[in-house]
Amino acid sequence: MVQPAEKKATYDDLYNIPENMIGEIIDGELITTPRPAARHSYTASVLGFELGPPFQIGRNGPGGWVILHKIEIMMGENLLVPDLTGWRRERFPGLPKENWISVPPDWVCEILSPSTVRVDKIRKMPVYARHEVPYVWLIDPVSKTLDVFKLESGKWVWQCAFVENDKVRAEPLHEVEIELGNLWIE
């Protein structure tokens, strides 16, 4: 017996998910995850505070970046919502008319949580690779770790890991030191 073809998710499907969920479309499938918990949000917010002044504004750092929080990124038929996303200023397409940006970023940071870890690592990282995002950071606020990955020949290569209170200089944002301990809250 022939199975009917499954309908691929579209952007309009995102309007039908509950307000307390984040919707993404990965390889034609609508994926929903709960909005971030407090620990997750704290880590993402503090990292944004650490990176914004030196990289986006150029205060005590090189400038030259646009870093956005929870922006929709359209890559082919995939719509992803990374926790933090950065473009080198010369590649940033400007603010779009749509809800999403369709230029792949130069850097993505995913904050891992029990409800998102599988999606972030197993489903989203291959999409980032296919669309040639050069760097991905994975931060786990429970284990207090940061893993840095670089895309080489279409494959993710683990570059380094940091833990707890390490002082971090990590590509592509290595010009400024980040105190990893600031990202954790008890």
Protein backbone atom coordinates (compact mmCIF):
# COMPACT_ATOMS: atom_id res chain seq x y z
CA MET A 1 0.00 0.00 0.00
CA VAL A 2 1.30 3.42 -0.94
CA GLN A 3 1.71 5.90 1.89
CA PRO A 4 0.58 9.46 1.12
CA ALA A 5 3.46 11.92 0.97
CA GLU A 6 3.87 13.94 4.12
CA LYS A 7 3.26 17.64 3.69
CA LYS A 8 6.35 19.74 4.31
CA ALA A 9 6.00 22.39 6.96
CA THR A 10 5.78 26.00 5.82
CA TYR A 11 6.23 29.32 7.54
CA ASP A 12 2.44 29.60 7.95
CA ASP A 13 2.53 26.52 10.20
CA LEU A 14 4.45 28.57 12.77
CA TYR A 15 1.35 30.71 13.38
CA ASN A 16 -0.47 27.69 14.80
CA ILE A 17 1.96 26.71 17.56
CA PRO A 18 1.32 27.69 21.18
CA GLU A 19 2.76 31.02 22.30
CA ASN A 20 4.99 29.35 24.88
CA MET A 21 6.85 27.40 22.17
CA ILE A 22 9.53 28.25 19.62
CA GLY A 23 8.94 26.83 16.16
CA GLU A 24 11.61 25.87 13.65
CA ILE A 25 11.42 24.08 10.32
CA ILE A 26 14.19 21.53 9.82
CA ASP A 27 14.31 19.41 6.67
CA GLY A 28 10.60 20.02 6.09
CA GLU A 29 9.52 19.11 9.63
CA LEU A 30 8.00 21.53 12.11
CA ILE A 31 9.97 21.25 15.35
CA THR A 32 8.65 22.91 18.49
CA THR A 33 10.53 23.40 21.73
CA PRO A 34 9.57 25.24 24.91
CA ARG A 35 10.72 28.82 25.33
CA PRO A 36 13.99 28.94 27.24
CA ALA A 37 14.02 28.40 31.00
CA ALA A 38 15.58 31.02 33.28
CA ARG A 39 19.05 29.38 33.41
CA HIS A 40 19.13 29.17 29.60
CA SER A 41 17.96 32.78 29.19
CA TYR A 42 20.44 34.04 31.77
CA THR A 43 23.38 32.41 29.95
CA ALA A 44 22.26 33.74 26.54
CA SER A 45 21.63 37.24 27.92
CA VAL A 46 24.97 37.52 29.70
CA LEU A 47 26.85 36.22 26.65
CA GLY A 48 25.09 38.87 24.57
CA PHE A 49 26.11 41.53 27.11
CA GLU A 50 29.72 40.28 26.97
CA LEU A 51 29.91 40.23 23.15
CA GLY A 52 27.79 43.26 22.22
CA PRO A 53 30.01 46.13 23.37
CA PRO A 54 33.34 44.89 21.93
CA PHE A 55 32.09 43.26 18.75
CA GLN A 56 28.89 45.07 17.77
CA ILE A 57 29.60 48.54 19.13
CA GLY A 58 33.41 48.45 19.08
CA ARG A 59 33.79 49.47 22.74
CA ASN A 60 37.07 47.96 24.00
CA GLY A 61 37.09 45.58 21.06
CA PRO A 62 37.35 45.32 17.30
CA GLY A 63 33.72 46.04 16.33
CA GLY A 64 32.69 44.88 12.88
CA TRP A 65 29.94 42.43 13.88
CA VAL A 66 26.14 42.36 14.09
CA ILE A 67 25.03 39.99 16.86
CA LEU A 68 21.34 39.20 17.30
CA HIS A 69 19.38 37.19 19.86
CA LYS A 70 16.72 34.64 18.78
CA ILE A 71 16.47 35.89 15.18
CA GLU A 72 14.92 33.63 12.55
CA ILE A 73 17.40 32.42 9.93
CA MET A 74 16.05 31.04 6.65
CA MET A 75 18.52 28.65 5.04
CA GLY A 76 16.96 27.04 2.00
CA GLU A 77 13.74 25.43 3.25
CA ASN A 78 14.99 25.42 6.85
CA LEU A 79 14.02 28.07 9.36
CA LEU A 80 16.21 28.02 12.47
CA VAL A 81 16.17 30.19 15.58
CA PRO A 82 19.63 30.12 17.19
CA ASP A 83 20.09 31.60 20.64
CA LEU A 84 22.72 34.06 19.38
CA THR A 85 23.75 34.71 15.79
CA GLY A 86 26.52 36.87 14.39
CA TRP A 87 27.46 38.25 11.00
CA ARG A 88 30.55 40.19 10.08
CA ARG A 89 29.18 43.64 9.36
CA GLU A 90 30.19 43.55 5.68
CA ARG A 91 28.07 40.39 5.20
CA PHE A 92 25.04 41.51 7.19
CA PRO A 93 22.15 42.03 4.76
CA GLY A 94 20.41 44.68 6.86
CA LEU A 95 17.11 44.28 8.61
CA PRO A 96 14.69 42.40 6.36
CA LYS A 97 11.06 43.08 5.52
CA GLU A 98 10.29 39.48 6.51
CA ASN A 99 10.68 38.02 10.00
CA TRP A 100 13.81 36.15 8.92
CA ILE A 101 17.27 36.78 7.56
CA SER A 102 18.27 34.59 4.62
CA VAL A 103 22.05 35.17 4.62
CA PRO A 104 23.79 32.41 6.60
CA PRO A 105 25.58 33.83 9.63
CA ASP A 106 29.32 33.75 10.34
CA TRP A 107 28.80 32.41 13.85
CA VAL A 108 26.01 30.69 15.78
CA CYS A 109 25.73 29.99 19.49
CA GLU A 110 23.25 27.45 20.80
CA ILE A 111 22.58 27.31 24.54
CA LEU A 112 21.81 23.67 25.31
CA SER A 113 18.97 22.62 27.58
CA PRO A 114 17.40 19.21 28.21
CA SER A 115 14.54 20.04 25.84
CA THR A 116 16.74 21.31 22.98
CA VAL A 117 20.05 19.43 23.14
CA ARG A 118 19.09 16.77 20.59
CA VAL A 119 17.61 19.26 18.14
CA ASP A 120 20.58 21.62 18.50
CA LYS A 121 23.24 18.93 18.06
CA ILE A 122 21.62 16.35 15.79
CA ARG A 123 19.19 18.33 13.62
CA LYS A 124 20.50 21.90 13.46
CA MET A 125 24.27 21.43 13.22
CA PRO A 126 24.01 19.55 9.87
CA VAL A 127 21.87 22.39 8.48
CA TYR A 128 24.46 24.94 9.61
CA ALA A 129 27.14 22.84 7.89
CA ARG A 130 25.18 22.51 4.62
CA HIS A 131 24.82 26.29 4.54
CA GLU A 132 28.49 26.87 5.40
CA VAL A 133 28.15 28.61 8.76
CA PRO A 134 31.86 28.67 9.70
CA TYR A 135 31.59 28.50 13.52
CA VAL A 136 29.19 27.06 16.08
CA TRP A 137 29.50 27.41 19.84
CA LEU A 138 27.54 25.01 22.05
CA ILE A 139 27.11 26.18 25.64
CA ASP A 140 25.73 23.94 28.36
CA PRO A 141 24.76 25.99 31.43
CA VAL A 142 24.16 22.85 33.52
CA SER A 143 27.62 21.34 32.98
CA LYS A 144 29.10 24.86 32.65
CA THR A 145 30.88 24.16 29.37
CA LEU A 146 31.53 25.83 26.02
CA ASP A 147 32.48 23.73 22.98
CA VAL A 148 33.77 25.48 19.87
CA PHE A 149 33.33 23.92 16.42
CA LYS A 150 34.77 25.08 13.10
CA LEU A 151 33.51 23.97 9.70
CA GLU A 152 36.28 22.39 7.63
CA SER A 153 35.56 20.75 4.27
CA GLY A 154 31.86 20.56 5.13
CA LYS A 155 32.42 18.76 8.46
CA TRP A 156 32.36 20.05 12.03
CA VAL A 157 35.75 19.90 13.68
CA TRP A 158 35.86 20.34 17.45
CA GLN A 159 38.35 23.12 18.19
CA CYS A 160 38.41 23.44 21.97
CA ALA A 161 36.36 23.31 25.13
CA PHE A 162 36.17 25.56 28.14
CA VAL A 163 34.69 24.85 31.54
CA GLU A 164 33.36 26.65 34.63
CA ASN A 165 35.46 29.79 35.27
CA ASP A 166 37.86 29.59 32.33
CA LYS A 167 38.94 32.76 30.57
CA VAL A 168 37.89 32.29 26.96
CA ARG A 169 39.29 33.51 23.67
CA ALA A 170 37.51 31.49 21.00
CA GLU A 171 37.19 31.84 17.25
CA PRO A 172 35.79 33.74 15.56
CA LEU A 173 35.42 36.18 18.48
CA HIS A 174 38.90 35.64 19.91
CA GLU A 175 40.01 39.28 20.11
CA VAL A 176 38.28 39.75 23.47
CA GLU A 177 38.49 37.58 26.56
CA ILE A 178 35.22 36.33 28.03
CA GLU A 179 34.98 35.19 31.64
CA LEU A 180 32.96 32.01 31.30
CA GLY A 181 32.00 32.06 34.99
CA ASN A 182 29.83 35.12 34.32
CA LEU A 183 27.47 32.94 32.24
CA TRP A 184 26.38 30.72 35.11
CA ILE A 185 23.79 31.41 37.79
CA GLU A 186 23.05 29.22 40.79
